Amino acid sequence: MAGDIRLIVQGDDFGMCHAVNVGTIQAFREGILTQASTMAACPWFTEAAALARESGIPLGVHQTLTCEWDFLRWRPLTDGPSLVGDDATFLRTVDAARASITYDDSVRELSAQVAKFAAEGLAIDYLDVHMGQSAQESAYDEVSDAAGKPFIYGPVESQRFASIVTLSDREADGKKAWMLDHIAGLTPGVHLLVTHCAAAHPELAAMTSPGTYTYRWAEEYRLSDQEIVTDPEIRKAIEERGIELVSMRNAFSD
């Protein structure tokens, strides 16, 4: 039955920069975004926390052990030496993080990121991971167990979803058609759609160098995601199928 279809629309990287914060809240208030994965180690987390308190957007901890950009760099909240490169900021790739980061340093850092949410008075509904891949899988499990919240990309928790799909890294001119097809094809169950929303601010284009492997993630993918998530035709297609928009807070409730 169509009424048995639930869709989580998640915005990643909340707190990373002002453009992402503005776009995420707009997508939540005016679009179909239902939750935001939030980066406590990033420079604009304090603004994201204030916006979250004001808007009530459901939040997850976007557990962060990497920093992929050339010019937007962030440091760990803790002092674990295995967490950083020569510039004392997080390593740039998941592979580099896996090769360097120790279990103990991971647990301390990820625990500090969770604690920073509590210090801002923010409730946590779930935990996930930045850049989509785990740098220290057992550390993520330990931290989520201690927080008492699901790590949604874990081997057990991820099986609860009927699908987990990323919108972002698709060509902009075909993204709306893909999204409409995706909505039309959803089956009963809980589906997770991962997006990376941002408002059109100059800082997006300035985060990294042209030609780098992250370049399209800086501006192109985010602005096209923002357009899709706030498109009235997309919301209409969801409503016509009777799909319920939910967050991790209520996705698996009866």
Protein backbone atom coordinates (compact mmCIF):
# COMPACT_ATOMS: atom_id res chain seq x y z
CA MET A 1 0.00 0.00 0.00
CA ALA A 2 1.19 3.52 -0.76
CA GLY A 3 0.56 4.51 2.86
CA ASP A 4 3.22 2.05 3.97
CA ILE A 5 5.96 3.99 2.17
CA ARG A 6 8.03 6.26 4.38
CA LEU A 7 10.78 8.54 3.07
CA ILE A 8 13.58 10.18 5.03
CA VAL A 9 15.20 13.05 3.14
CA GLN A 10 18.50 13.79 4.84
CA GLY A 11 20.74 16.82 4.41
CA ASP A 12 24.41 16.07 5.10
CA ASP A 13 27.18 18.41 6.32
CA PHE A 14 25.01 20.79 8.38
CA GLY A 15 27.47 22.99 10.27
CA MET A 16 30.22 22.78 7.65
CA CYS A 17 29.80 26.34 6.34
CA HIS A 18 27.26 29.16 6.26
CA ALA A 19 25.97 28.28 2.77
CA VAL A 20 25.16 24.74 3.86
CA ASN A 21 23.45 25.96 7.02
CA VAL A 22 21.24 28.43 5.14
CA GLY A 23 20.35 25.92 2.43
CA THR A 24 19.61 23.12 4.87
CA ILE A 25 17.17 25.18 6.90
CA GLN A 26 15.47 26.48 3.76
CA ALA A 27 15.14 22.92 2.47
CA PHE A 28 13.61 21.86 5.81
CA ARG A 29 11.20 24.78 6.05
CA GLU A 30 10.20 25.10 2.40
CA GLY A 31 11.08 21.74 0.89
CA ILE A 32 11.01 18.03 1.67
CA LEU A 33 14.12 17.74 3.86
CA THR A 34 13.29 15.92 7.10
CA GLN A 35 16.58 15.72 9.02
CA ALA A 36 20.15 16.98 8.99
CA SER A 37 23.43 15.20 9.66
CA THR A 38 25.48 17.72 11.59
CA MET A 39 29.26 18.20 11.88
CA ALA A 40 30.29 19.23 15.40
CA ALA A 41 33.97 19.69 14.53
CA CYS A 42 33.30 22.23 11.80
CA PRO A 43 33.61 26.02 12.06
CA TRP A 44 29.93 26.80 11.49
CA PHE A 45 28.52 24.26 13.95
CA THR A 46 27.56 26.98 16.44
CA GLU A 47 25.34 28.65 13.83
CA ALA A 48 23.85 25.28 12.87
CA ALA A 49 23.05 24.61 16.53
CA ALA A 50 21.26 27.94 16.85
CA LEU A 51 19.29 27.31 13.66
CA ALA A 52 18.38 23.82 14.86
CA ARG A 53 17.05 25.12 18.16
CA GLU A 54 15.00 27.73 16.31
CA SER A 55 13.61 25.44 13.61
CA GLY A 56 13.29 22.12 15.43
CA ILE A 57 14.96 20.19 12.61
CA PRO A 58 15.75 16.60 13.68
CA LEU A 59 19.49 16.03 13.93
CA GLY A 60 22.06 13.29 13.61
CA VAL A 61 25.76 13.37 14.38
CA HIS A 62 27.70 13.38 11.11
CA GLN A 63 30.74 11.72 12.68
CA THR A 64 33.78 13.39 11.19
CA LEU A 65 37.33 12.06 10.92
CA THR A 66 38.25 13.67 7.59
CA CYS A 67 38.36 17.10 5.93
CA GLU A 68 38.39 16.86 2.15
CA TRP A 69 38.66 20.49 1.03
CA ASP A 70 41.73 22.47 -0.06
CA PHE A 71 40.88 25.79 1.58
CA LEU A 72 38.15 25.02 4.13
CA ARG A 73 40.04 23.08 6.79
CA TRP A 74 38.92 21.98 10.25
CA ARG A 75 40.65 20.43 13.25
CA PRO A 76 39.61 17.67 15.64
CA LEU A 77 38.02 18.61 18.94
CA THR A 78 40.59 16.39 20.69
CA ASP A 79 44.38 16.13 20.53
CA GLY A 80 44.88 12.60 19.19
CA PRO A 81 48.05 12.69 17.05
CA SER A 82 46.82 10.02 14.64
CA LEU A 83 43.85 12.17 13.62
CA VAL A 84 45.76 14.89 11.77
CA GLY A 85 48.22 15.57 8.98
CA ASP A 86 51.12 17.97 8.85
CA ASP A 87 48.85 21.02 9.01
CA ALA A 88 47.19 19.78 12.25
CA THR A 89 43.80 19.39 10.52
CA PHE A 90 41.93 16.19 9.69
CA LEU A 91 43.26 13.99 6.89
CA ARG A 92 41.77 14.52 3.43
CA THR A 93 40.63 11.02 2.43
CA VAL A 94 39.01 8.00 4.04
CA ASP A 95 41.92 5.83 2.90
CA ALA A 96 44.43 8.13 4.59
CA ALA A 97 42.33 8.15 7.76
CA ARG A 98 42.07 4.37 7.80
CA ALA A 99 45.84 4.07 7.45
CA SER A 100 46.58 6.56 10.25
CA ILE A 101 43.86 6.83 12.87
CA THR A 102 43.97 4.65 15.96
CA TYR A 103 40.95 3.16 17.65
CA ASP A 104 41.50 5.09 20.89
CA ASP A 105 41.92 8.43 19.13
CA SER A 106 38.77 7.74 17.10
CA VAL A 107 36.64 6.95 20.13
CA ARG A 108 37.83 10.03 22.02
CA GLU A 109 37.19 12.32 19.07
CA LEU A 110 33.80 10.92 18.09
CA SER A 111 32.70 10.97 21.74
CA ALA A 112 33.73 14.63 21.97
CA GLN A 113 31.63 15.39 18.91
CA VAL A 114 28.59 13.79 20.52
CA ALA A 115 29.25 15.71 23.74
CA LYS A 116 29.32 18.99 21.83
CA PHE A 117 25.70 18.41 20.79
CA ALA A 118 24.73 17.97 24.42
CA ALA A 119 26.60 21.16 25.36
CA GLU A 120 24.43 23.04 22.84
CA GLY A 121 21.25 21.49 24.27
CA LEU A 122 20.59 19.50 21.08
CA ALA A 123 18.82 16.15 20.97
CA ILE A 124 20.40 13.46 18.78
CA ASP A 125 18.27 11.01 16.82
CA TYR A 126 20.97 8.99 15.03
CA LEU A 127 24.63 8.87 14.06
CA ASP A 128 26.19 8.45 10.62
CA VAL A 129 29.54 9.15 8.99
CA HIS A 130 31.09 11.91 6.87
CA MET A 131 32.14 10.99 3.31
CA GLY A 132 29.99 7.86 3.42
CA GLN A 133 32.67 5.42 4.54
CA SER A 134 33.88 4.36 7.96
CA ALA A 135 37.48 5.10 8.87
CA GLN A 136 37.22 3.08 12.11
CA GLU A 137 34.11 0.87 12.07
CA SER A 138 34.40 -0.50 15.61
CA ALA A 139 34.82 3.04 16.98
CA TYR A 140 31.56 4.16 15.38
CA ASP A 141 29.77 1.20 16.93
CA GLU A 142 31.17 1.96 20.39
CA VAL A 143 30.23 5.63 20.26
CA SER A 144 26.69 4.97 19.00
CA ASP A 145 26.18 2.33 21.71
CA ALA A 146 27.33 4.81 24.36
CA ALA A 147 25.00 7.48 22.95
CA GLY A 148 22.11 5.01 22.82
CA LYS A 149 21.33 6.03 19.24
CA PRO A 150 21.49 4.03 15.99
CA PHE A 151 24.47 4.24 13.65
CA ILE A 152 22.38 4.14 10.50
CA TYR A 153 25.14 2.92 8.20
CA GLY A 154 26.09 0.03 10.46
CA PRO A 155 25.76 -3.54 9.14
CA VAL A 156 22.69 -4.27 11.26
CA GLU A 157 20.94 -0.91 11.37
CA SER A 158 21.23 -0.31 7.62
CA GLN A 159 19.25 -3.48 6.95
CA ARG A 160 16.16 -1.81 8.40
CA PHE A 161 15.90 0.43 5.33
CA ALA A 162 14.20 -0.64 2.13
CA SER A 163 16.76 1.52 0.30
CA ILE A 164 19.58 3.97 0.99
CA VAL A 165 20.33 6.19 -2.01
CA THR A 166 22.34 9.37 -2.57
CA LEU A 167 20.84 12.09 -4.76
CA SER A 168 23.87 14.33 -5.00
CA ASP A 169 26.41 12.89 -7.42
CA ARG A 170 24.15 12.83 -10.46
CA GLU A 171 24.20 15.12 -13.46
CA ALA A 172 22.17 18.25 -12.77
CA ASP A 173 20.18 18.15 -16.00
CA GLY A 174 18.90 14.65 -15.24
CA LYS A 175 18.49 14.92 -11.49
CA LYS A 176 14.81 15.91 -11.46
CA ALA A 177 13.82 13.10 -13.82
CA TRP A 178 15.80 10.65 -11.69
CA MET A 179 14.08 11.90 -8.55
CA LEU A 180 10.61 11.56 -10.05
CA ASP A 181 11.43 8.01 -11.16
CA HIS A 182 12.78 7.22 -7.71
CA ILE A 183 9.58 8.45 -6.06
CA ALA A 184 7.45 6.45 -8.49
CA GLY A 185 9.40 3.29 -7.77
CA LEU A 186 9.45 3.38 -3.97
CA THR A 187 8.11 0.23 -2.33
CA PRO A 188 6.62 -0.25 1.16
CA GLY A 189 9.16 0.32 3.90
CA VAL A 190 11.45 3.09 5.10
CA HIS A 191 13.67 4.68 2.45
CA LEU A 192 16.61 7.01 3.06
CA LEU A 193 17.53 9.64 0.48
CA VAL A 194 20.82 11.42 1.21
CA THR A 195 21.26 14.96 -0.11
CA HIS A 196 23.80 17.77 0.27
CA CYS A 197 21.90 21.05 0.27
CA ALA A 198 23.35 24.55 0.20
CA ALA A 199 22.32 28.10 -0.68
CA ALA A 200 24.08 29.93 -3.51
CA HIS A 201 26.87 31.69 -1.62
CA PRO A 202 30.36 32.53 -2.96
CA GLU A 203 32.08 30.43 -0.29
CA LEU A 204 31.01 27.20 -2.02
CA ALA A 205 33.14 27.85 -5.09
CA ALA A 206 36.05 28.94 -2.89
CA MET A 207 36.30 25.79 -0.78
CA THR A 208 38.53 23.80 -3.08
CA SER A 209 40.53 23.96 -6.32
CA PRO A 210 39.07 23.21 -9.76
CA GLY A 211 40.06 19.79 -10.99
CA THR A 212 40.24 18.16 -7.56
CA TYR A 213 38.24 15.02 -6.84
CA THR A 214 35.97 16.97 -4.48
CA TYR A 215 35.39 19.94 -6.79
CA ARG A 216 31.91 18.97 -7.97
CA TRP A 217 30.87 18.31 -4.36
CA ALA A 218 31.69 21.90 -3.40
CA GLU A 219 29.05 23.78 -5.37
CA GLU A 220 27.57 21.90 -8.33
CA TYR A 221 26.04 18.93 -6.52
CA ARG A 222 24.83 21.02 -3.59
CA LEU A 223 23.02 23.68 -5.59
CA SER A 224 21.30 21.12 -7.80
CA ASP A 225 20.26 19.15 -4.69
CA GLN A 226 18.83 22.34 -3.20
CA GLU A 227 16.80 22.92 -6.34
CA ILE A 228 15.35 19.41 -6.30
CA VAL A 229 14.56 19.29 -2.60
CA THR A 230 12.65 22.58 -2.76
CA ASP A 231 10.89 21.90 -6.09
CA PRO A 232 7.05 21.95 -5.68
CA GLU A 233 6.67 19.26 -8.35
CA ILE A 234 8.77 16.88 -6.28
CA ARG A 235 6.62 17.46 -3.22
CA LYS A 236 3.49 17.01 -5.34
CA ALA A 237 4.74 13.66 -6.64
CA ILE A 238 5.38 12.50 -3.06
CA GLU A 239 1.93 13.59 -1.95
CA GLU A 240 0.19 11.99 -4.93
CA ARG A 241 1.74 8.62 -4.08
CA GLY A 242 0.73 8.99 -0.43
CA ILE A 243 4.33 8.75 0.73
CA GLU A 244 4.91 9.84 4.33
CA LEU A 245 7.88 12.14 4.90
CA VAL A 246 9.55 11.14 8.16
CA SER A 247 12.83 11.42 10.06
CA MET A 248 14.72 8.87 12.13
CA ARG A 249 12.75 10.20 15.09
CA ASN A 250 9.54 8.57 13.86
CA ALA A 251 10.46 6.46 10.81
CA PHE A 252 10.16 3.09 12.50
CA SER A 253 7.31 3.83 14.89
CA ASP A 254 3.97 2.12 14.43
